[in-house]
C-alpha cells in the first residue's frame, strides 16, 4: 500500500494537460524499461478531459502506440457503440486518432454481445482476459498495470464501486457485474478493489466543487466500504490529481505535494 500523494492544479484544464503530460512520460518510461506498457482508462468528464488533452499534446508521438495495452476500470453495460459507453467516448477523445494495435485495446463486453443480459458472465469473461494477460511476475490474476486511472464521484465512488453496494466488498474476484447502481445506467461491469490494488500506480482524478467533499472524506481516513475512493491505492504510488475547486475542503498541509 502506498500513501496518497497530492497534486493540486489551478483549474480542470490545466489539470488535464498536466496529467496527460505525466501519463506520456510514464508510458514512455515503461516502454523503455520493459518494451510495452499497460494503462487502465477511466471515463467521466475528467477521464475524457485527460484523453482529449493527450490527443492534442505534441509529445503524444513519443509513445509507441503499437506497444500499449489499454484496459478499462469499468463500463456501462450498454450496446456496442452507445454514446454513454466509456470505450465509445474514449475512441472519440483519443483512440481513433492514434495507431493502436486493435488486439491490445481490451474493451469490456457490451450488452448486445455474446453474453446478452448476463452481466455476470460478461464480467467473468473480462476477468479471464485479464488473467490470461497476467504473467508470473504479476502480483495477482491481473497484469501489473503501469497506471490505473480512476475518476472520483461526488459520492466517493470509483470505477463502478459505489458506497455500501456489494461490489465494493468483493475480496476474491477481479471483475464483477454491478446491479442497482445509483446513477444510470444501473447495470455495469467493474474492476474490484483487489484488481485496482494490483496496479503499480493508481491515479485518482477529481475536478470541480462537487468533488470537494468526496476528496476530503476519502483522504481523511474513511473506510473503503463507505468511501470506495479511500480503498483505491497502488503498489508503488497513489496519486491524487485535483484542481483547486476539488481540493478546497482539504487542509493544505494534509499531504505534501507529490514529486514529479
Protein backbone atom coordinates (compact mmCIF):
# COMPACT_ATOMS: atom_id res chain seq x y z
CA UNK A 1 0.00 0.00 0.00
CA UNK A 2 1.37 3.42 -0.96
CA UNK A 3 0.47 6.59 0.94
CA UNK A 4 -1.51 9.11 -1.10
CA UNK A 5 0.34 11.97 -2.73
CA UNK A 6 -1.49 15.12 -3.75
CA UNK A 7 -1.04 17.46 -6.71
CA UNK A 8 -3.36 20.45 -7.00
CA UNK A 9 -3.72 22.42 -10.24
CA UNK A 10 -5.30 25.81 -10.76
CA UNK A 11 -8.23 24.57 -12.85
CA UNK A 12 -9.53 21.46 -14.61
CA UNK A 13 -8.00 22.39 -17.97
CA UNK A 14 -4.51 22.70 -16.51
CA UNK A 15 -5.08 19.51 -14.53
CA UNK A 16 -5.96 17.61 -17.71
CA UNK A 17 -2.94 18.95 -19.59
CA UNK A 18 -0.53 18.21 -16.75
CA UNK A 19 -1.97 14.74 -16.21
CA UNK A 20 -1.66 13.99 -19.93
CA UNK A 21 1.99 15.06 -19.89
CA UNK A 22 2.59 12.94 -16.81
CA UNK A 23 0.95 9.94 -18.47
CA UNK A 24 3.06 10.28 -21.61
CA UNK A 25 6.20 10.24 -19.50
CA UNK A 26 5.05 7.23 -17.51
CA UNK A 27 4.16 5.22 -20.64
CA UNK A 28 7.44 6.06 -22.37
CA UNK A 29 9.41 5.10 -19.24
CA UNK A 30 7.59 1.75 -19.02
CA UNK A 31 8.11 1.02 -22.70
CA UNK A 32 11.80 1.85 -22.38
CA UNK A 33 12.18 -0.41 -19.36
CA UNK A 34 10.07 -3.39 -20.44
CA UNK A 35 9.19 -2.93 -24.10
CA UNK A 36 5.48 -2.32 -23.52
CA UNK A 37 3.13 -0.52 -21.17
CA UNK A 38 -0.35 -1.10 -19.79
CA UNK A 39 -2.83 1.56 -18.74
CA UNK A 40 -6.34 1.35 -17.33
CA UNK A 41 -8.59 4.14 -18.57
CA UNK A 42 -11.46 5.82 -16.78
CA UNK A 43 -14.49 7.57 -18.18
CA UNK A 44 -16.37 10.61 -16.99
CA UNK A 45 -15.56 14.24 -17.60
CA UNK A 46 -12.12 14.12 -16.00
CA UNK A 47 -11.02 10.90 -17.67
CA UNK A 48 -12.23 12.07 -21.07
CA UNK A 49 -10.71 15.50 -20.49
CA UNK A 50 -7.33 13.89 -19.91
CA UNK A 51 -7.66 11.83 -23.13
CA UNK A 52 -8.60 14.93 -25.12
CA UNK A 53 -5.58 16.75 -23.70
CA UNK A 54 -3.38 13.79 -24.61
CA UNK A 55 -4.76 13.81 -28.15
CA UNK A 56 -3.64 17.40 -28.65
CA UNK A 57 -0.31 17.11 -26.82
CA UNK A 58 2.69 17.46 -29.17
CA UNK A 59 4.59 14.87 -27.12
CA UNK A 60 1.99 12.17 -27.74
CA UNK A 61 4.11 10.86 -30.62
CA UNK A 62 6.79 9.86 -28.11
CA UNK A 63 4.55 6.91 -27.24
CA UNK A 64 4.86 3.72 -29.27
CA UNK A 65 1.12 3.20 -29.53
CA UNK A 66 1.54 -0.28 -31.00
CA UNK A 67 3.14 -1.45 -27.75
CA UNK A 68 0.46 -0.12 -25.40
CA UNK A 69 -2.24 -2.24 -23.77
CA UNK A 70 -5.40 -0.38 -22.80
CA UNK A 71 -7.92 -1.71 -20.28
CA UNK A 72 -10.93 -0.16 -18.55
CA UNK A 73 -11.77 0.19 -14.89
CA UNK A 74 -15.49 -0.05 -15.51
CA UNK A 75 -18.09 0.09 -18.22
CA UNK A 76 -21.76 0.79 -18.63
CA UNK A 77 -23.47 -2.41 -19.76
CA UNK A 78 -24.99 -0.95 -22.90
CA UNK A 79 -24.90 -1.91 -26.60
CA UNK A 80 -21.67 -1.58 -28.52
CA UNK A 81 -21.24 1.96 -29.84
CA UNK A 82 -23.66 3.50 -27.35
CA UNK A 83 -22.52 7.08 -26.71
CA UNK A 84 -22.69 6.51 -22.96
CA UNK A 85 -20.14 3.70 -23.01
CA UNK A 86 -16.69 4.65 -21.76
CA UNK A 87 -14.98 2.98 -24.70
CA UNK A 88 -17.12 4.94 -27.18
CA UNK A 89 -16.17 8.22 -25.51
CA UNK A 90 -12.51 7.22 -25.32
CA UNK A 91 -12.44 6.41 -29.03
CA UNK A 92 -13.86 9.83 -29.83
CA UNK A 93 -11.50 11.67 -27.48
CA UNK A 94 -8.27 9.88 -28.45
CA UNK A 95 -8.18 6.27 -29.53
CA UNK A 96 -9.39 6.70 -33.10
CA UNK A 97 -6.62 9.23 -33.76
CA UNK A 98 -3.60 7.14 -32.71
CA UNK A 99 -2.11 3.94 -34.24
CA UNK A 100 -3.08 1.43 -31.56
CA UNK A 101 -2.91 -2.32 -32.08
CA UNK A 102 -6.62 -3.33 -32.00
CA UNK A 103 -5.70 -6.59 -30.28
CA UNK A 104 -4.30 -4.58 -27.36
CA UNK A 105 -7.43 -2.48 -26.81
CA UNK A 106 -9.33 -4.50 -24.24
CA UNK A 107 -12.86 -3.11 -24.15
CA UNK A 108 -15.32 -4.58 -21.68
CA UNK A 109 -18.20 -6.59 -23.18
CA UNK A 110 -21.32 -4.84 -24.46
CA UNK A 111 -24.92 -5.79 -23.70
CA UNK A 112 -25.61 -6.73 -27.31
CA UNK A 113 -22.67 -9.12 -27.42
CA UNK A 114 -22.50 -12.86 -26.87
CA UNK A 115 -23.45 -12.61 -23.18
CA UNK A 116 -26.75 -10.82 -23.74
CA UNK A 117 -28.25 -9.63 -20.48
CA UNK A 118 -25.96 -11.83 -18.36
CA UNK A 119 -23.66 -9.17 -16.95
CA UNK A 120 -22.08 -11.63 -14.52
CA UNK A 121 -20.93 -13.82 -17.42
CA UNK A 122 -19.62 -10.73 -19.19
CA UNK A 123 -17.67 -9.76 -16.07
CA UNK A 124 -16.25 -13.28 -15.75
CA UNK A 125 -15.12 -13.14 -19.37
CA UNK A 126 -13.22 -9.89 -18.75
CA UNK A 127 -11.66 -11.40 -15.61
CA UNK A 128 -10.47 -14.33 -17.71
CA UNK A 129 -8.97 -11.93 -20.27
CA UNK A 130 -7.10 -10.13 -17.51
CA UNK A 131 -5.86 -13.40 -16.04
CA UNK A 132 -4.59 -14.53 -19.45
CA UNK A 133 -2.60 -11.31 -19.77
CA UNK A 134 -1.03 -11.63 -16.32
CA UNK A 135 2.47 -13.04 -16.13
CA UNK A 136 4.33 -14.96 -13.42
CA UNK A 137 5.88 -11.70 -12.23
CA UNK A 138 2.49 -10.14 -11.55
CA UNK A 139 1.05 -9.96 -8.08
CA UNK A 140 -2.47 -11.09 -8.89
CA UNK A 141 -4.60 -12.62 -11.62
CA UNK A 142 -4.40 -9.31 -13.46
CA UNK A 143 -1.44 -7.59 -15.13
CA UNK A 144 0.64 -5.19 -13.07
CA UNK A 145 -0.80 -2.12 -14.77
CA UNK A 146 1.67 0.72 -15.09
CA UNK A 147 -1.03 3.31 -14.46
CA UNK A 148 -4.63 2.75 -13.43
CA UNK A 149 -6.74 5.91 -13.58
CA UNK A 150 -9.95 6.47 -11.67
CA UNK A 151 -12.41 9.33 -11.61
CA UNK A 152 -13.78 10.13 -8.17
CA UNK A 153 -17.53 10.64 -7.96
CA UNK A 154 -19.24 13.16 -5.67
CA UNK A 155 -20.34 10.18 -3.53
CA UNK A 156 -16.70 8.90 -3.38
CA UNK A 157 -17.33 6.08 -5.88
CA UNK A 158 -14.52 4.93 -8.15
CA UNK A 159 -14.94 2.75 -11.24
CA UNK A 160 -18.45 1.39 -10.60
CA UNK A 161 -17.78 0.65 -6.94
CA UNK A 162 -20.43 2.60 -5.07
CA UNK A 163 -20.60 3.11 -1.30
CA UNK A 164 -22.13 0.18 0.61
CA UNK A 165 -23.02 -1.84 -2.52
CA UNK A 166 -21.83 -5.47 -2.77
CA UNK A 167 -19.18 -4.79 -5.41
CA UNK A 168 -17.08 -2.66 -3.09
CA UNK A 169 -16.99 -5.51 -0.56
CA UNK A 170 -15.66 -8.06 -3.07
CA UNK A 171 -12.34 -9.56 -2.00
CA UNK A 172 -11.86 -12.55 -4.32
CA UNK A 173 -12.99 -11.72 -7.85
CA UNK A 174 -11.18 -9.16 -10.01
CA UNK A 175 -14.21 -8.14 -12.10
CA UNK A 176 -17.88 -8.11 -11.11
CA UNK A 177 -21.24 -7.25 -12.54
CA UNK A 178 -22.86 -4.30 -10.80
CA UNK A 179 -26.62 -4.20 -10.29
CA UNK A 180 -28.64 -1.28 -8.99
CA UNK A 181 -26.01 1.41 -9.43
CA UNK A 182 -27.37 4.69 -8.02
CA UNK A 183 -26.58 6.57 -11.23
CA UNK A 184 -27.79 5.39 -14.64
CA UNK A 185 -27.36 3.00 -16.21
CA UNK A 186 -27.91 0.74 -13.22
CA UNK A 187 -26.13 -2.28 -14.74
CA UNK A 188 -22.37 -2.09 -15.14
CA UNK A 189 -19.11 -4.03 -15.13
CA UNK A 190 -16.32 -3.01 -12.78
CA UNK A 191 -12.88 -3.95 -11.61
CA UNK A 192 -12.83 -4.67 -7.90
CA UNK A 193 -10.54 -3.17 -5.27
CA UNK A 194 -8.18 -6.20 -5.36
CA UNK A 195 -7.69 -5.71 -9.11
CA UNK A 196 -7.18 -1.97 -8.69
CA UNK A 197 -4.56 -2.53 -6.00
CA UNK A 198 -2.51 -4.73 -8.32
CA UNK A 199 -1.51 -1.64 -10.32
CA UNK A 200 1.92 -0.14 -9.90
CA UNK A 201 0.40 3.34 -9.82
CA UNK A 202 -3.19 4.42 -9.16
CA UNK A 203 -4.16 7.95 -10.16
CA UNK A 204 -7.39 9.44 -8.82
CA UNK A 205 -8.77 12.38 -10.77
CA UNK A 206 -11.13 14.95 -9.30
CA UNK A 207 -12.06 18.41 -10.57
CA UNK A 208 -14.87 20.74 -9.61
CA UNK A 209 -16.54 21.89 -6.42
CA UNK A 210 -18.89 18.90 -6.49
CA UNK A 211 -15.88 16.63 -5.82
CA UNK A 212 -14.50 18.62 -2.87
CA UNK A 213 -16.28 16.75 -0.07
CA UNK A 214 -15.59 13.39 -1.71
CA UNK A 215 -11.86 14.13 -1.79
CA UNK A 216 -11.90 15.33 1.79
CA UNK A 217 -13.75 12.25 3.02
CA UNK A 218 -11.61 9.77 1.09
CA UNK A 219 -8.36 11.39 2.25
CA UNK A 220 -9.40 11.68 5.89
CA UNK A 221 -9.18 8.01 6.81
CA UNK A 222 -12.70 6.91 5.86
CA UNK A 223 -13.41 3.23 5.37
CA UNK A 224 -13.48 1.86 1.83
CA UNK A 225 -16.99 0.43 2.09
CA UNK A 226 -18.38 3.86 2.95
CA UNK A 227 -15.92 5.72 0.69
CA UNK A 228 -14.60 3.45 -2.07
CA UNK A 229 -12.02 6.03 -3.20
CA UNK A 230 -10.30 5.53 0.15
CA UNK A 231 -9.62 1.91 -0.79
CA UNK A 232 -8.04 2.66 -4.17
CA UNK A 233 -4.26 2.67 -3.99
CA UNK A 234 -1.32 1.42 -6.00
CA UNK A 235 1.56 -0.84 -5.04
CA UNK A 236 4.24 1.81 -5.57
CA UNK A 237 2.30 5.06 -5.90
CA UNK A 238 -1.12 6.55 -5.22
CA UNK A 239 -1.55 9.95 -6.81
CA UNK A 240 -4.48 12.31 -6.34
CA UNK A 241 -4.69 14.83 -9.19
CA UNK A 242 -7.10 17.63 -8.35
CA UNK A 243 -7.98 21.14 -9.36
CA UNK A 244 -8.24 23.90 -6.77
CA UNK A 245 -12.02 23.55 -6.51
CA UNK A 246 -11.86 19.83 -5.73
CA UNK A 247 -9.14 20.44 -3.15
CA UNK A 248 -10.98 23.30 -1.47
CA UNK A 249 -12.14 21.24 1.54
CA UNK A 250 -8.70 19.72 2.21
CA UNK A 251 -6.30 21.17 4.77
CA UNK A 252 -3.35 22.42 2.73
CA UNK A 253 -0.89 20.57 4.97
CA UNK A 254 -2.75 17.26 4.92
CA UNK A 255 -0.36 15.70 2.40
CA UNK A 256 2.85 17.05 0.92
CA UNK A 257 2.98 17.72 -2.80
CA UNK A 258 3.92 14.72 -4.91
CA UNK A 259 7.30 14.70 -6.57
CA UNK A 260 7.43 14.71 -10.34
